[in-house]
N, C-alpha and C. Protein backbone atom coordinates (compact mmCIF):
# COMPACT_ATOMS: atom_id res chain seq x y z
N MET A 1 12.19 -37.24 -39.54
CA MET A 1 11.53 -38.06 -38.51
C MET A 1 11.30 -37.23 -37.25
N ALA A 2 10.15 -37.29 -36.68
CA ALA A 2 9.83 -36.53 -35.50
C ALA A 2 10.63 -37.04 -34.31
N LYS A 3 11.05 -36.12 -33.48
CA LYS A 3 11.86 -36.50 -32.33
C LYS A 3 10.93 -37.14 -31.26
N ASP A 4 11.41 -38.24 -30.70
CA ASP A 4 10.65 -38.94 -29.68
C ASP A 4 10.85 -38.25 -28.36
N LYS A 5 9.77 -37.62 -27.83
CA LYS A 5 9.89 -36.89 -26.57
C LYS A 5 10.27 -37.83 -25.41
N ALA A 6 9.93 -39.11 -25.51
CA ALA A 6 10.28 -40.04 -24.46
C ALA A 6 11.76 -40.18 -24.30
N SER A 7 12.52 -39.86 -25.40
CA SER A 7 13.96 -39.97 -25.34
C SER A 7 14.63 -38.75 -24.74
N GLU A 8 13.87 -37.66 -24.55
CA GLU A 8 14.43 -36.45 -23.99
C GLU A 8 14.66 -36.61 -22.47
N PRO A 9 15.65 -35.95 -21.93
CA PRO A 9 15.93 -36.04 -20.54
C PRO A 9 14.76 -35.45 -19.69
N ALA A 10 14.49 -36.08 -18.57
CA ALA A 10 13.45 -35.64 -17.69
C ALA A 10 13.93 -34.42 -16.88
N LEU A 11 12.99 -33.62 -16.44
CA LEU A 11 13.33 -32.48 -15.61
C LEU A 11 13.73 -32.95 -14.23
N VAL A 12 14.85 -32.42 -13.73
CA VAL A 12 15.42 -32.87 -12.44
C VAL A 12 15.55 -31.68 -11.51
N CYS A 13 15.20 -31.86 -10.28
CA CYS A 13 15.41 -30.89 -9.23
C CYS A 13 16.26 -31.53 -8.13
N ASP A 14 17.43 -30.94 -7.86
CA ASP A 14 18.38 -31.54 -6.93
C ASP A 14 19.20 -30.46 -6.24
N PHE A 15 19.17 -30.44 -4.92
CA PHE A 15 19.96 -29.43 -4.18
C PHE A 15 21.30 -30.00 -3.67
N THR A 16 21.60 -31.26 -3.91
CA THR A 16 22.76 -31.90 -3.37
C THR A 16 23.88 -32.09 -4.35
N SER A 17 23.61 -31.81 -5.64
CA SER A 17 24.66 -32.01 -6.67
C SER A 17 24.40 -31.09 -7.86
N GLY A 18 25.24 -31.18 -8.84
CA GLY A 18 25.02 -30.44 -10.06
C GLY A 18 25.23 -28.94 -9.91
N ALA A 19 24.55 -28.18 -10.78
CA ALA A 19 24.76 -26.74 -10.82
C ALA A 19 24.38 -26.02 -9.56
N VAL A 20 23.30 -26.47 -8.90
CA VAL A 20 22.90 -25.83 -7.64
C VAL A 20 23.96 -26.02 -6.56
N ARG A 21 24.47 -27.21 -6.45
CA ARG A 21 25.54 -27.51 -5.48
C ARG A 21 26.79 -26.68 -5.79
N HIS A 22 27.14 -26.58 -7.06
CA HIS A 22 28.35 -25.81 -7.43
C HIS A 22 28.16 -24.33 -7.07
N ARG A 23 26.96 -23.81 -7.31
CA ARG A 23 26.67 -22.44 -6.98
C ARG A 23 26.75 -22.21 -5.46
N PHE A 24 26.29 -23.23 -4.74
CA PHE A 24 26.30 -23.15 -3.29
C PHE A 24 27.75 -23.08 -2.75
N LEU A 25 28.63 -23.83 -3.36
CA LEU A 25 30.01 -23.91 -2.91
C LEU A 25 30.90 -22.81 -3.42
N TYR A 26 30.65 -22.38 -4.69
CA TYR A 26 31.57 -21.48 -5.34
C TYR A 26 30.96 -20.26 -5.96
N GLY A 27 29.73 -19.94 -5.57
CA GLY A 27 29.00 -18.88 -6.27
C GLY A 27 29.43 -17.45 -6.03
N GLY A 28 30.18 -17.16 -5.01
CA GLY A 28 30.64 -15.79 -4.84
C GLY A 28 29.91 -15.05 -3.68
N GLY A 29 29.09 -15.77 -2.93
CA GLY A 29 28.47 -15.16 -1.75
C GLY A 29 27.57 -13.98 -2.02
N ARG A 30 27.55 -13.05 -1.09
CA ARG A 30 26.62 -11.94 -1.13
C ARG A 30 26.96 -10.89 -2.22
N GLY A 31 28.13 -11.04 -2.85
CA GLY A 31 28.47 -10.16 -3.92
C GLY A 31 27.79 -10.43 -5.24
N GLN A 32 27.07 -11.58 -5.32
CA GLN A 32 26.36 -11.93 -6.56
C GLN A 32 25.21 -10.98 -6.74
N ALA A 33 24.76 -10.87 -8.01
CA ALA A 33 23.73 -9.92 -8.35
C ALA A 33 22.41 -10.13 -7.60
N LEU A 34 21.99 -11.38 -7.47
CA LEU A 34 20.70 -11.62 -6.81
C LEU A 34 20.72 -11.23 -5.33
N PRO A 35 21.70 -11.64 -4.53
CA PRO A 35 21.70 -11.20 -3.12
C PRO A 35 21.80 -9.68 -2.99
N ARG A 36 22.52 -9.03 -3.90
CA ARG A 36 22.57 -7.57 -3.89
C ARG A 36 21.23 -6.96 -4.16
N ALA A 37 20.53 -7.54 -5.11
CA ALA A 37 19.19 -7.03 -5.44
C ALA A 37 18.20 -7.26 -4.30
N ILE A 38 18.34 -8.37 -3.61
CA ILE A 38 17.47 -8.71 -2.50
C ILE A 38 17.71 -7.80 -1.28
N GLY A 39 18.94 -7.24 -1.19
CA GLY A 39 19.28 -6.34 -0.10
C GLY A 39 20.01 -7.04 1.03
N MET A 40 20.88 -8.01 0.73
CA MET A 40 21.56 -8.76 1.74
C MET A 40 22.95 -8.17 2.09
N LYS A 41 23.11 -6.93 1.85
CA LYS A 41 24.37 -6.24 2.18
C LYS A 41 24.53 -6.09 3.71
N GLY A 42 25.76 -6.20 4.14
CA GLY A 42 26.06 -5.92 5.55
C GLY A 42 25.48 -6.94 6.51
N GLY A 43 25.35 -8.17 6.08
CA GLY A 43 24.88 -9.21 7.00
C GLY A 43 23.38 -9.26 7.21
N VAL A 44 22.60 -8.49 6.43
CA VAL A 44 21.15 -8.50 6.56
C VAL A 44 20.59 -9.80 6.02
N ASN A 45 19.70 -10.44 6.80
CA ASN A 45 19.07 -11.71 6.38
C ASN A 45 17.55 -11.51 6.36
N PRO A 46 17.03 -11.03 5.22
CA PRO A 46 15.60 -10.69 5.15
C PRO A 46 14.70 -11.92 5.04
N ARG A 47 13.42 -11.66 5.30
CA ARG A 47 12.37 -12.64 5.02
C ARG A 47 11.99 -12.47 3.57
N VAL A 48 12.19 -13.50 2.80
CA VAL A 48 11.94 -13.40 1.33
C VAL A 48 10.88 -14.39 0.93
N VAL A 49 10.05 -13.97 0.02
CA VAL A 49 9.11 -14.90 -0.64
C VAL A 49 9.53 -15.00 -2.11
N ASP A 50 9.86 -16.18 -2.55
CA ASP A 50 10.08 -16.45 -3.96
C ASP A 50 8.75 -16.83 -4.54
N ALA A 51 8.06 -15.87 -5.19
CA ALA A 51 6.68 -16.03 -5.62
C ALA A 51 6.54 -16.90 -6.85
N THR A 52 7.62 -17.23 -7.51
CA THR A 52 7.60 -18.08 -8.70
C THR A 52 8.75 -19.06 -8.54
N ALA A 53 8.61 -19.99 -7.69
CA ALA A 53 9.74 -20.80 -7.20
C ALA A 53 10.47 -21.60 -8.30
N GLY A 54 9.72 -22.15 -9.22
CA GLY A 54 10.37 -22.96 -10.26
C GLY A 54 11.11 -24.12 -9.62
N LEU A 55 12.36 -24.30 -10.02
CA LEU A 55 13.13 -25.43 -9.50
C LEU A 55 13.95 -25.05 -8.23
N GLY A 56 13.72 -23.84 -7.72
CA GLY A 56 14.22 -23.50 -6.39
C GLY A 56 15.67 -23.05 -6.31
N GLY A 57 16.34 -22.90 -7.44
CA GLY A 57 17.76 -22.54 -7.39
C GLY A 57 18.03 -21.21 -6.74
N ASP A 58 17.25 -20.18 -7.09
CA ASP A 58 17.46 -18.87 -6.47
C ASP A 58 17.12 -18.87 -4.98
N ALA A 59 16.02 -19.55 -4.63
CA ALA A 59 15.63 -19.64 -3.22
C ALA A 59 16.72 -20.34 -2.40
N PHE A 60 17.29 -21.39 -2.95
CA PHE A 60 18.32 -22.12 -2.23
C PHE A 60 19.56 -21.26 -2.01
N LEU A 61 19.93 -20.49 -3.05
CA LEU A 61 21.06 -19.58 -2.93
C LEU A 61 20.83 -18.58 -1.81
N LEU A 62 19.65 -17.98 -1.79
CA LEU A 62 19.36 -16.94 -0.77
C LEU A 62 19.33 -17.58 0.61
N ALA A 63 18.74 -18.80 0.75
CA ALA A 63 18.74 -19.48 2.04
C ALA A 63 20.15 -19.87 2.45
N ALA A 64 20.97 -20.27 1.51
CA ALA A 64 22.38 -20.63 1.83
C ALA A 64 23.15 -19.42 2.39
N LEU A 65 22.74 -18.23 1.99
CA LEU A 65 23.42 -17.01 2.47
C LEU A 65 22.76 -16.47 3.75
N GLY A 66 21.72 -17.12 4.25
CA GLY A 66 21.16 -16.74 5.54
C GLY A 66 19.73 -16.24 5.51
N ALA A 67 19.16 -16.03 4.35
CA ALA A 67 17.79 -15.51 4.32
C ALA A 67 16.82 -16.63 4.69
N THR A 68 15.65 -16.25 5.20
CA THR A 68 14.54 -17.13 5.41
C THR A 68 13.61 -17.01 4.21
N VAL A 69 13.42 -18.16 3.47
CA VAL A 69 12.73 -18.06 2.19
C VAL A 69 11.48 -18.93 2.18
N THR A 70 10.39 -18.32 1.76
CA THR A 70 9.16 -19.08 1.47
C THR A 70 9.04 -19.19 -0.06
N LEU A 71 8.91 -20.42 -0.52
CA LEU A 71 8.78 -20.66 -1.93
C LEU A 71 7.31 -20.97 -2.25
N ILE A 72 6.79 -20.30 -3.26
CA ILE A 72 5.43 -20.56 -3.72
C ILE A 72 5.47 -21.05 -5.13
N GLU A 73 4.87 -22.21 -5.41
CA GLU A 73 4.86 -22.77 -6.76
C GLU A 73 3.42 -23.21 -7.09
N VAL A 74 2.93 -22.75 -8.20
CA VAL A 74 1.56 -23.02 -8.63
C VAL A 74 1.41 -24.34 -9.37
N SER A 75 2.43 -24.79 -10.05
CA SER A 75 2.36 -26.04 -10.86
C SER A 75 2.44 -27.25 -9.94
N PRO A 76 1.44 -28.14 -9.97
CA PRO A 76 1.53 -29.35 -9.12
C PRO A 76 2.76 -30.19 -9.42
N GLN A 77 3.12 -30.31 -10.73
CA GLN A 77 4.27 -31.16 -11.09
C GLN A 77 5.58 -30.55 -10.57
N ILE A 78 5.76 -29.25 -10.78
CA ILE A 78 6.99 -28.59 -10.30
C ILE A 78 7.03 -28.63 -8.79
N HIS A 79 5.87 -28.40 -8.12
CA HIS A 79 5.82 -28.46 -6.66
C HIS A 79 6.27 -29.81 -6.12
N ARG A 80 5.83 -30.90 -6.78
CA ARG A 80 6.25 -32.24 -6.36
C ARG A 80 7.75 -32.42 -6.54
N LEU A 81 8.31 -31.94 -7.65
CA LEU A 81 9.74 -32.03 -7.85
C LEU A 81 10.51 -31.30 -6.77
N LEU A 82 10.05 -30.12 -6.41
CA LEU A 82 10.66 -29.30 -5.35
C LEU A 82 10.57 -30.02 -4.00
N ALA A 83 9.36 -30.50 -3.66
CA ALA A 83 9.20 -31.14 -2.38
C ALA A 83 10.08 -32.38 -2.26
N ASP A 84 10.17 -33.19 -3.31
CA ASP A 84 11.04 -34.35 -3.27
C ASP A 84 12.52 -33.97 -3.10
N ALA A 85 12.94 -32.93 -3.83
CA ALA A 85 14.33 -32.47 -3.74
C ALA A 85 14.66 -31.97 -2.36
N MET A 86 13.70 -31.25 -1.73
CA MET A 86 13.94 -30.76 -0.37
C MET A 86 14.00 -31.88 0.62
N ASP A 87 13.16 -32.90 0.41
CA ASP A 87 13.20 -34.08 1.33
C ASP A 87 14.54 -34.80 1.23
N ARG A 88 15.03 -34.95 0.00
CA ARG A 88 16.32 -35.64 -0.17
C ARG A 88 17.44 -34.81 0.45
N ALA A 89 17.37 -33.49 0.32
CA ALA A 89 18.42 -32.65 0.90
C ALA A 89 18.38 -32.72 2.42
N ARG A 90 17.18 -32.78 3.03
CA ARG A 90 17.07 -32.91 4.50
C ARG A 90 17.72 -34.23 4.94
N GLU A 91 17.43 -35.28 4.20
CA GLU A 91 17.97 -36.61 4.53
C GLU A 91 19.48 -36.66 4.40
N ALA A 92 20.04 -35.87 3.49
CA ALA A 92 21.48 -35.84 3.26
C ALA A 92 22.21 -35.27 4.44
N GLY A 93 21.51 -34.42 5.21
CA GLY A 93 22.17 -33.85 6.40
C GLY A 93 23.21 -32.82 6.07
N GLY A 94 23.95 -32.40 7.08
CA GLY A 94 25.03 -31.45 6.88
C GLY A 94 24.59 -30.07 6.52
N GLU A 95 25.47 -29.33 5.83
CA GLU A 95 25.19 -27.96 5.49
C GLU A 95 23.97 -27.79 4.62
N VAL A 96 23.76 -28.73 3.68
CA VAL A 96 22.61 -28.62 2.80
C VAL A 96 21.32 -28.73 3.59
N ALA A 97 21.26 -29.63 4.55
CA ALA A 97 20.05 -29.73 5.37
C ALA A 97 19.79 -28.44 6.18
N GLU A 98 20.88 -27.83 6.59
CA GLU A 98 20.75 -26.54 7.36
C GLU A 98 20.15 -25.49 6.45
N VAL A 99 20.51 -25.47 5.21
CA VAL A 99 19.96 -24.52 4.26
C VAL A 99 18.47 -24.77 4.06
N ILE A 100 18.12 -26.05 3.84
CA ILE A 100 16.69 -26.41 3.61
C ILE A 100 15.86 -26.03 4.80
N ALA A 101 16.41 -26.01 5.99
CA ALA A 101 15.66 -25.67 7.21
C ALA A 101 15.23 -24.19 7.17
N ARG A 102 15.82 -23.39 6.33
CA ARG A 102 15.40 -22.00 6.21
C ARG A 102 14.48 -21.81 5.03
N MET A 103 14.03 -22.89 4.40
CA MET A 103 13.12 -22.84 3.26
C MET A 103 11.77 -23.51 3.56
N THR A 104 10.69 -22.83 3.21
CA THR A 104 9.34 -23.33 3.42
C THR A 104 8.65 -23.32 2.07
N LEU A 105 8.11 -24.48 1.64
CA LEU A 105 7.47 -24.62 0.36
C LEU A 105 5.95 -24.64 0.44
N LEU A 106 5.31 -23.77 -0.33
CA LEU A 106 3.84 -23.71 -0.38
C LEU A 106 3.38 -23.97 -1.80
N HIS A 107 2.23 -24.56 -1.93
CA HIS A 107 1.64 -24.85 -3.26
C HIS A 107 0.39 -23.96 -3.45
N GLY A 108 0.40 -23.20 -4.54
CA GLY A 108 -0.76 -22.39 -4.84
C GLY A 108 -0.43 -21.17 -5.67
N ASP A 109 -1.40 -20.30 -5.85
CA ASP A 109 -1.27 -19.11 -6.66
C ASP A 109 -0.73 -17.98 -5.75
N SER A 110 0.43 -17.47 -6.11
CA SER A 110 1.03 -16.40 -5.29
C SER A 110 0.16 -15.17 -5.13
N ARG A 111 -0.63 -14.90 -6.14
CA ARG A 111 -1.52 -13.76 -6.03
C ARG A 111 -2.53 -13.90 -4.92
N GLU A 112 -2.90 -15.14 -4.60
CA GLU A 112 -3.84 -15.38 -3.50
C GLU A 112 -3.11 -15.56 -2.15
N ILE A 113 -1.92 -16.18 -2.23
CA ILE A 113 -1.21 -16.50 -0.95
C ILE A 113 -0.49 -15.30 -0.37
N LEU A 114 0.13 -14.46 -1.19
CA LEU A 114 0.94 -13.34 -0.66
C LEU A 114 0.18 -12.47 0.33
N PRO A 115 -1.08 -12.04 0.06
CA PRO A 115 -1.77 -11.18 1.00
C PRO A 115 -2.11 -11.89 2.33
N THR A 116 -2.02 -13.22 2.42
CA THR A 116 -2.40 -13.95 3.62
C THR A 116 -1.23 -14.18 4.54
N LEU A 117 -0.02 -13.94 4.08
CA LEU A 117 1.17 -14.26 4.88
C LEU A 117 1.31 -13.36 6.08
N ASP A 118 1.62 -13.96 7.23
CA ASP A 118 1.77 -13.18 8.45
C ASP A 118 2.97 -13.78 9.23
N PRO A 119 4.05 -12.98 9.39
CA PRO A 119 4.17 -11.61 8.98
C PRO A 119 4.32 -11.45 7.46
N ALA A 120 4.07 -10.25 7.01
CA ALA A 120 4.22 -9.98 5.57
C ALA A 120 5.69 -10.08 5.20
N PRO A 121 5.98 -10.54 3.98
CA PRO A 121 7.37 -10.67 3.58
C PRO A 121 8.04 -9.30 3.46
N GLU A 122 9.30 -9.28 3.81
CA GLU A 122 10.07 -8.02 3.61
C GLU A 122 10.39 -7.86 2.12
N VAL A 123 10.72 -9.00 1.47
CA VAL A 123 11.12 -8.92 0.07
C VAL A 123 10.34 -9.98 -0.69
N VAL A 124 9.87 -9.63 -1.89
CA VAL A 124 9.23 -10.59 -2.78
C VAL A 124 10.04 -10.65 -4.06
N LEU A 125 10.46 -11.85 -4.46
CA LEU A 125 11.20 -12.12 -5.70
C LEU A 125 10.18 -12.66 -6.71
N VAL A 126 10.13 -12.02 -7.88
CA VAL A 126 9.25 -12.45 -8.95
C VAL A 126 10.09 -12.76 -10.17
N ASP A 127 10.06 -14.05 -10.58
CA ASP A 127 10.81 -14.49 -11.75
C ASP A 127 9.86 -15.21 -12.68
N PRO A 128 9.04 -14.46 -13.42
CA PRO A 128 8.04 -15.12 -14.28
C PRO A 128 8.76 -15.74 -15.48
N MET A 129 8.00 -16.58 -16.20
CA MET A 129 8.53 -17.18 -17.42
C MET A 129 8.86 -16.02 -18.36
N HIS A 130 10.10 -15.89 -18.72
CA HIS A 130 10.56 -14.78 -19.52
C HIS A 130 10.03 -14.86 -20.97
N PRO A 131 9.92 -13.71 -21.62
CA PRO A 131 9.52 -13.75 -23.03
C PRO A 131 10.46 -14.61 -23.82
N GLU A 132 9.90 -15.42 -24.72
CA GLU A 132 10.75 -16.35 -25.50
C GLU A 132 11.72 -15.58 -26.39
N ARG A 133 12.96 -16.02 -26.39
CA ARG A 133 13.96 -15.41 -27.27
C ARG A 133 13.71 -15.86 -28.70
N LYS A 134 14.13 -15.01 -29.65
CA LYS A 134 13.94 -15.33 -31.07
C LYS A 134 14.72 -16.57 -31.44
N LYS A 135 15.91 -16.73 -30.88
CA LYS A 135 16.73 -17.87 -31.17
C LYS A 135 16.57 -18.94 -30.11
N SER A 136 15.80 -20.00 -30.46
CA SER A 136 15.46 -21.03 -29.45
C SER A 136 16.70 -21.69 -28.91
N ALA A 137 17.79 -21.68 -29.66
CA ALA A 137 19.02 -22.34 -29.20
C ALA A 137 19.59 -21.65 -27.98
N LEU A 138 19.21 -20.38 -27.74
CA LEU A 138 19.71 -19.66 -26.62
C LEU A 138 19.01 -20.05 -25.31
N VAL A 139 17.90 -20.72 -25.45
CA VAL A 139 17.12 -21.05 -24.26
C VAL A 139 17.65 -22.36 -23.69
N LYS A 140 17.99 -22.38 -22.40
CA LYS A 140 18.54 -23.57 -21.79
C LYS A 140 17.47 -24.71 -21.84
N GLN A 141 17.95 -25.94 -22.03
CA GLN A 141 17.02 -27.04 -22.10
C GLN A 141 16.14 -27.16 -20.86
N GLU A 142 16.76 -26.92 -19.70
CA GLU A 142 15.97 -26.99 -18.44
C GLU A 142 14.83 -26.04 -18.46
N MET A 143 15.07 -24.79 -18.92
CA MET A 143 13.98 -23.78 -18.93
C MET A 143 12.93 -24.14 -19.99
N ARG A 144 13.33 -24.77 -21.10
CA ARG A 144 12.39 -25.19 -22.12
C ARG A 144 11.47 -26.24 -21.53
N LEU A 145 12.02 -27.20 -20.77
CA LEU A 145 11.21 -28.22 -20.12
C LEU A 145 10.23 -27.62 -19.13
N VAL A 146 10.71 -26.62 -18.34
CA VAL A 146 9.80 -25.97 -17.38
C VAL A 146 8.67 -25.26 -18.12
N ARG A 147 9.03 -24.57 -19.25
CA ARG A 147 8.00 -23.87 -20.01
C ARG A 147 6.94 -24.82 -20.52
N GLU A 148 7.37 -26.00 -20.96
CA GLU A 148 6.42 -27.01 -21.46
C GLU A 148 5.41 -27.40 -20.37
N ILE A 149 5.87 -27.39 -19.11
CA ILE A 149 4.98 -27.79 -17.99
C ILE A 149 4.08 -26.63 -17.56
N VAL A 150 4.70 -25.47 -17.35
CA VAL A 150 3.92 -24.37 -16.73
C VAL A 150 3.37 -23.38 -17.72
N GLY A 151 3.89 -23.39 -18.99
CA GLY A 151 3.40 -22.44 -19.98
C GLY A 151 3.97 -21.03 -19.72
N ASP A 152 3.36 -20.05 -20.37
CA ASP A 152 3.78 -18.68 -20.14
C ASP A 152 3.09 -18.09 -18.88
N ASN A 153 3.42 -16.85 -18.58
CA ASN A 153 2.82 -16.21 -17.39
C ASN A 153 2.03 -14.98 -17.79
N PRO A 154 0.84 -15.18 -18.42
CA PRO A 154 0.06 -13.98 -18.80
C PRO A 154 -0.38 -13.12 -17.63
N ASP A 155 -0.30 -13.70 -16.40
CA ASP A 155 -0.74 -12.98 -15.20
C ASP A 155 0.45 -12.36 -14.45
N ALA A 156 1.62 -12.28 -15.11
CA ALA A 156 2.81 -11.77 -14.41
C ALA A 156 2.66 -10.37 -13.89
N ALA A 157 2.00 -9.48 -14.68
CA ALA A 157 1.78 -8.11 -14.24
C ALA A 157 0.87 -8.08 -12.99
N ASP A 158 -0.16 -8.93 -12.97
CA ASP A 158 -1.04 -9.03 -11.84
C ASP A 158 -0.25 -9.44 -10.59
N LEU A 159 0.63 -10.44 -10.76
CA LEU A 159 1.46 -10.89 -9.62
C LEU A 159 2.37 -9.78 -9.16
N MET A 160 2.94 -9.01 -10.06
CA MET A 160 3.79 -7.88 -9.63
C MET A 160 3.00 -6.89 -8.84
N ARG A 161 1.78 -6.60 -9.27
CA ARG A 161 0.98 -5.64 -8.48
C ARG A 161 0.66 -6.11 -7.10
N VAL A 162 0.38 -7.44 -6.98
CA VAL A 162 0.14 -7.97 -5.65
C VAL A 162 1.42 -7.96 -4.80
N ALA A 163 2.54 -8.28 -5.43
CA ALA A 163 3.83 -8.24 -4.71
C ALA A 163 4.15 -6.84 -4.22
N LEU A 164 3.87 -5.84 -5.04
CA LEU A 164 4.15 -4.48 -4.66
C LEU A 164 3.22 -3.99 -3.53
N ALA A 165 2.03 -4.59 -3.48
CA ALA A 165 1.08 -4.25 -2.40
C ALA A 165 1.38 -5.01 -1.11
N THR A 166 2.27 -6.01 -1.17
CA THR A 166 2.51 -6.91 -0.02
C THR A 166 3.83 -6.72 0.64
N ALA A 167 4.91 -6.64 -0.14
CA ALA A 167 6.27 -6.57 0.41
C ALA A 167 6.45 -5.29 1.26
N THR A 168 7.11 -5.41 2.34
CA THR A 168 7.32 -4.22 3.20
C THR A 168 8.62 -3.42 2.85
N LYS A 169 9.55 -4.09 2.20
CA LYS A 169 10.82 -3.41 1.92
C LYS A 169 11.13 -3.26 0.43
N ARG A 170 10.99 -4.37 -0.32
CA ARG A 170 11.28 -4.27 -1.75
C ARG A 170 10.71 -5.43 -2.53
N VAL A 171 10.53 -5.23 -3.81
CA VAL A 171 10.14 -6.29 -4.75
C VAL A 171 11.24 -6.35 -5.79
N VAL A 172 11.64 -7.54 -6.16
CA VAL A 172 12.72 -7.75 -7.15
C VAL A 172 12.15 -8.52 -8.27
N LEU A 173 12.21 -7.98 -9.47
CA LEU A 173 11.78 -8.63 -10.70
C LEU A 173 12.99 -9.10 -11.45
N LYS A 174 13.10 -10.44 -11.67
CA LYS A 174 14.19 -11.03 -12.46
C LYS A 174 13.71 -11.11 -13.89
N TRP A 175 14.47 -10.46 -14.80
CA TRP A 175 14.00 -10.22 -16.16
C TRP A 175 15.14 -10.28 -17.15
N PRO A 176 14.95 -10.66 -18.37
CA PRO A 176 16.02 -10.69 -19.34
C PRO A 176 16.69 -9.31 -19.50
N ARG A 177 17.97 -9.27 -19.65
CA ARG A 177 18.69 -7.97 -19.65
C ARG A 177 18.16 -7.01 -20.70
N LEU A 178 17.83 -7.49 -21.89
CA LEU A 178 17.44 -6.60 -22.96
C LEU A 178 15.94 -6.50 -23.15
N ALA A 179 15.15 -7.18 -22.29
CA ALA A 179 13.69 -7.16 -22.45
C ALA A 179 13.15 -5.80 -22.09
N ALA A 180 12.03 -5.41 -22.70
CA ALA A 180 11.33 -4.17 -22.36
C ALA A 180 10.80 -4.27 -20.94
N PRO A 181 10.56 -3.14 -20.29
CA PRO A 181 9.95 -3.15 -18.94
C PRO A 181 8.59 -3.87 -18.96
N MET A 182 8.22 -4.47 -17.86
CA MET A 182 6.93 -5.14 -17.81
C MET A 182 5.83 -4.08 -17.93
N PRO A 183 4.89 -4.24 -18.89
CA PRO A 183 3.84 -3.28 -19.09
C PRO A 183 2.95 -3.10 -17.84
N GLY A 184 2.61 -1.87 -17.58
CA GLY A 184 1.65 -1.56 -16.51
C GLY A 184 2.23 -1.50 -15.13
N ILE A 185 3.58 -1.63 -15.04
CA ILE A 185 4.25 -1.59 -13.73
C ILE A 185 5.13 -0.35 -13.65
N ARG A 186 5.15 0.32 -12.49
CA ARG A 186 5.92 1.52 -12.35
C ARG A 186 7.40 1.24 -12.54
N ALA A 187 8.14 2.29 -12.84
CA ALA A 187 9.58 2.14 -13.06
C ALA A 187 10.29 1.70 -11.79
N PRO A 188 11.29 0.85 -11.92
CA PRO A 188 12.02 0.40 -10.70
C PRO A 188 12.83 1.52 -10.12
N SER A 189 13.14 1.34 -8.82
CA SER A 189 14.00 2.31 -8.11
C SER A 189 15.43 2.25 -8.69
N HIS A 190 15.89 1.02 -8.97
CA HIS A 190 17.19 0.87 -9.59
C HIS A 190 17.25 -0.55 -10.20
N GLN A 191 18.31 -0.75 -10.97
CA GLN A 191 18.52 -2.07 -11.61
C GLN A 191 19.93 -2.60 -11.35
N ILE A 192 20.05 -3.92 -11.27
CA ILE A 192 21.33 -4.56 -11.22
C ILE A 192 21.38 -5.44 -12.49
N VAL A 193 22.34 -5.13 -13.36
CA VAL A 193 22.33 -5.73 -14.68
C VAL A 193 23.54 -6.68 -14.85
N GLY A 194 23.26 -7.91 -15.29
CA GLY A 194 24.28 -8.90 -15.57
C GLY A 194 24.41 -9.14 -17.01
N LYS A 195 25.04 -10.24 -17.39
CA LYS A 195 25.29 -10.53 -18.80
C LYS A 195 24.05 -10.88 -19.57
N SER A 196 23.14 -11.63 -18.99
CA SER A 196 21.92 -12.02 -19.65
C SER A 196 20.66 -11.68 -18.88
N THR A 197 20.85 -11.37 -17.58
CA THR A 197 19.70 -11.12 -16.69
C THR A 197 19.84 -9.76 -15.99
N ARG A 198 18.74 -9.12 -15.76
CA ARG A 198 18.78 -7.92 -14.95
C ARG A 198 17.73 -8.07 -13.83
N TYR A 199 18.00 -7.38 -12.71
CA TYR A 199 17.08 -7.38 -11.60
C TYR A 199 16.53 -5.98 -11.44
N ASP A 200 15.23 -5.79 -11.67
CA ASP A 200 14.59 -4.52 -11.46
C ASP A 200 14.12 -4.48 -9.98
N VAL A 201 14.62 -3.52 -9.25
CA VAL A 201 14.39 -3.46 -7.83
C VAL A 201 13.44 -2.31 -7.54
N PHE A 202 12.32 -2.63 -6.89
CA PHE A 202 11.27 -1.68 -6.54
C PHE A 202 11.32 -1.46 -5.00
N MET A 203 11.93 -0.38 -4.58
CA MET A 203 11.95 -0.12 -3.17
C MET A 203 10.58 0.37 -2.68
N GLN A 204 10.20 -0.05 -1.49
CA GLN A 204 8.91 0.41 -0.89
C GLN A 204 9.15 1.63 -0.05
N VAL A 205 8.31 2.61 -0.21
CA VAL A 205 8.48 3.89 0.54
C VAL A 205 7.97 3.69 1.97
């Protein structure tokens, strides 16, 4: 019998509870791989653009650590989820609202928006829809739901080229640990490798 999609859980974006809240409280601060890749060592709080915002977890983490983050999301549905979640977090007040105050959400294609930003971002984070793993069971349900909405990212290399032409300090590509380098993009300056994810860091000269 075919599975009824209506019975599947809906995609949820929430900055006040769940995994995002836990990461906010107990994530390990600037010693985590992402803040290290972004360049937040020594109290540095860069201007970051998350060019593929998704559900905003990475952007929220960076803002919680002090960065000023602009989130760009092209999918209308995901953008609405993000906007609603940010509104609820503002209304909740306290520390979470302070974090949201360092986040700005834009709707549109990052390839078009990035060159128009003034001032230019110091750091651009690119986290495209990763190549599908051979074992579908390894893919988190949340990411499967996001993929159903936004599809794949055939323009990811184009976005990386725009990011490299825009960022003043570095571009960070979030990519599966064992995936091949993104075709057509120069080799990264260095990598920060975790259990399942690696960050390819492209320093700007």
